């Protein structure tokens, strides 16, 4: 769960924590990487811009999209 410290204009301080995951680029994540790894899938959080869709209902993070392209002659 990402947490962000903040300071109010009056000098008060606090921390806001969110259950929203973020993509590596900082945007809100709406997808998870589906690349198979031992024990499940990669599950790296991805935004709409950073995902690669090699097949319907499949999303890959940039690292695994490069691996997929390499394996498929791309």
C-alpha atoms as a PDB file:
ATOM      1  CA  UNK A   1       0.000   0.000   0.000  1.00  0.00           C
ATOM      2  CA  UNK A   2       1.716   3.256  -1.117  1.00  0.00           C
ATOM      3  CA  UNK A   3       1.924   5.998   1.506  1.00  0.00           C
ATOM      4  CA  UNK A   4       2.622   9.685   0.939  1.00  0.00           C
ATOM      5  CA  UNK A   5       3.655  12.128   3.679  1.00  0.00           C
ATOM      6  CA  UNK A   6       2.137  15.620   3.515  1.00  0.00           C
ATOM      7  CA  UNK A   7       2.270  18.995   5.279  1.00  0.00           C
ATOM      8  CA  UNK A   8      -0.773  21.284   5.539  1.00  0.00           C
ATOM      9  CA  UNK A   9      -0.511  25.049   4.914  1.00  0.00           C
ATOM     10  CA  UNK A  10      -0.829  25.510   8.695  1.00  0.00           C
ATOM     11  CA  UNK A  11       2.213  23.277   9.304  1.00  0.00           C
ATOM     12  CA  UNK A  12       0.393  20.102  10.312  1.00  0.00           C
ATOM     13  CA  UNK A  13       1.830  16.854   9.075  1.00  0.00           C
ATOM     14  CA  UNK A  14       0.375  13.497   8.195  1.00  0.00           C
ATOM     15  CA  UNK A  15       0.583  10.451   5.971  1.00  0.00           C
ATOM     16  CA  UNK A  16      -2.003   9.324   3.443  1.00  0.00           C
ATOM     17  CA  UNK A  17      -1.976   5.665   2.454  1.00  0.00           C
ATOM     18  CA  UNK A  18      -3.818   4.323  -0.557  1.00  0.00           C
ATOM     19  CA  UNK A  19      -4.707   0.845  -1.720  1.00  0.00           C
ATOM     20  CA  UNK A  20      -4.323   2.049  -5.316  1.00  0.00           C
ATOM     21  CA  UNK A  21      -1.237   0.541  -6.898  1.00  0.00           C
ATOM     22  CA  UNK A  22       0.958   2.581  -9.209  1.00  0.00           C
ATOM     23  CA  UNK A  23       2.692   1.591 -12.399  1.00  0.00           C
ATOM     24  CA  UNK A  24       6.480   2.119 -12.531  1.00  0.00           C
ATOM     25  CA  UNK A  25       5.807   5.302 -14.537  1.00  0.00           C
ATOM     26  CA  UNK A  26       3.732   6.685 -11.634  1.00  0.00           C
ATOM     27  CA  UNK A  27       0.300   6.412 -13.205  1.00  0.00           C
ATOM     28  CA  UNK A  28      -2.556   4.528 -11.547  1.00  0.00           C
ATOM     29  CA  UNK A  29      -2.382   0.795 -12.190  1.00  0.00           C
ATOM     30  CA  UNK A  30      -5.418  -0.860 -13.748  1.00  0.00           C
ATOM     31  CA  UNK A  31      -3.757  -4.121 -14.819  1.00  0.00           C
ATOM     32  CA  UNK A  32      -1.209  -6.688 -13.626  1.00  0.00           C
ATOM     33  CA  UNK A  33       1.454  -8.496 -15.656  1.00  0.00           C
ATOM     34  CA  UNK A  34       0.307 -11.997 -16.625  1.00  0.00           C
ATOM     35  CA  UNK A  35       3.779 -13.439 -17.384  1.00  0.00           C
ATOM     36  CA  UNK A  36       4.137 -16.850 -15.744  1.00  0.00           C
ATOM     37  CA  UNK A  37       6.820 -17.111 -13.065  1.00  0.00           C
ATOM     38  CA  UNK A  38       7.475 -19.876 -10.528  1.00  0.00           C
ATOM     39  CA  UNK A  39       4.554 -19.833  -8.134  1.00  0.00           C
ATOM     40  CA  UNK A  40       2.127 -17.801 -10.286  1.00  0.00           C
ATOM     41  CA  UNK A  41       2.372 -14.669 -12.417  1.00  0.00           C
ATOM     42  CA  UNK A  42       4.613 -11.587 -12.348  1.00  0.00           C
ATOM     43  CA  UNK A  43       1.744  -9.316 -11.195  1.00  0.00           C
ATOM     44  CA  UNK A  44       3.726  -6.099 -11.748  1.00  0.00           C
ATOM     45  CA  UNK A  45       1.212  -3.218 -11.622  1.00  0.00           C
ATOM     46  CA  UNK A  46       0.622  -1.645 -15.053  1.00  0.00           C
ATOM     47  CA  UNK A  47      -1.187   1.410 -16.394  1.00  0.00           C
ATOM     48  CA  UNK A  48      -2.968   1.491 -19.754  1.00  0.00           C
ATOM     49  CA  UNK A  49       0.056   3.120 -21.450  1.00  0.00           C
ATOM     50  CA  UNK A  50       2.738   0.723 -20.206  1.00  0.00           C
ATOM     51  CA  UNK A  51       0.995  -2.591 -20.862  1.00  0.00           C
ATOM     52  CA  UNK A  52       1.632  -4.753 -23.911  1.00  0.00           C
ATOM     53  CA  UNK A  53      -1.287  -6.959 -24.936  1.00  0.00           C
ATOM     54  CA  UNK A  54       0.022 -10.058 -26.762  1.00  0.00           C
ATOM     55  CA  UNK A  55      -3.374 -11.810 -26.677  1.00  0.00           C
ATOM     56  CA  UNK A  56      -6.898 -11.010 -25.488  1.00  0.00           C
ATOM     57  CA  UNK A  57      -7.093 -10.656 -21.707  1.00  0.00           C
ATOM     58  CA  UNK A  58      -3.268 -10.860 -21.349  1.00  0.00           C
ATOM     59  CA  UNK A  59      -1.073  -7.962 -20.242  1.00  0.00           C
ATOM     60  CA  UNK A  60       2.711  -7.825 -20.026  1.00  0.00           C
ATOM     61  CA  UNK A  61       5.048  -5.425 -18.235  1.00  0.00           C
ATOM     62  CA  UNK A  62       7.837  -3.857 -20.355  1.00  0.00           C
ATOM     63  CA  UNK A  63      10.423  -6.425 -19.161  1.00  0.00           C
ATOM     64  CA  UNK A  64       8.245  -9.398 -20.047  1.00  0.00           C
ATOM     65  CA  UNK A  65       6.961  -7.806 -23.262  1.00  0.00           C
ATOM     66  CA  UNK A  66      10.599  -7.615 -24.416  1.00  0.00           C
ATOM     67  CA  UNK A  67      11.104 -11.279 -23.474  1.00  0.00           C
ATOM     68  CA  UNK A  68       7.915 -12.249 -25.316  1.00  0.00           C
ATOM     69  CA  UNK A  69       9.020 -10.324 -28.433  1.00  0.00           C
ATOM     70  CA  UNK A  70      12.454 -11.953 -28.296  1.00  0.00           C
ATOM     71  CA  UNK A  71      10.918 -15.429 -28.100  1.00  0.00           C
ATOM     72  CA  UNK A  72       8.535 -14.672 -30.968  1.00  0.00           C
ATOM     73  CA  UNK A  73      11.048 -13.242 -33.407  1.00  0.00           C
ATOM     74  CA  UNK A  74      10.349  -9.586 -32.663  1.00  0.00           C
END
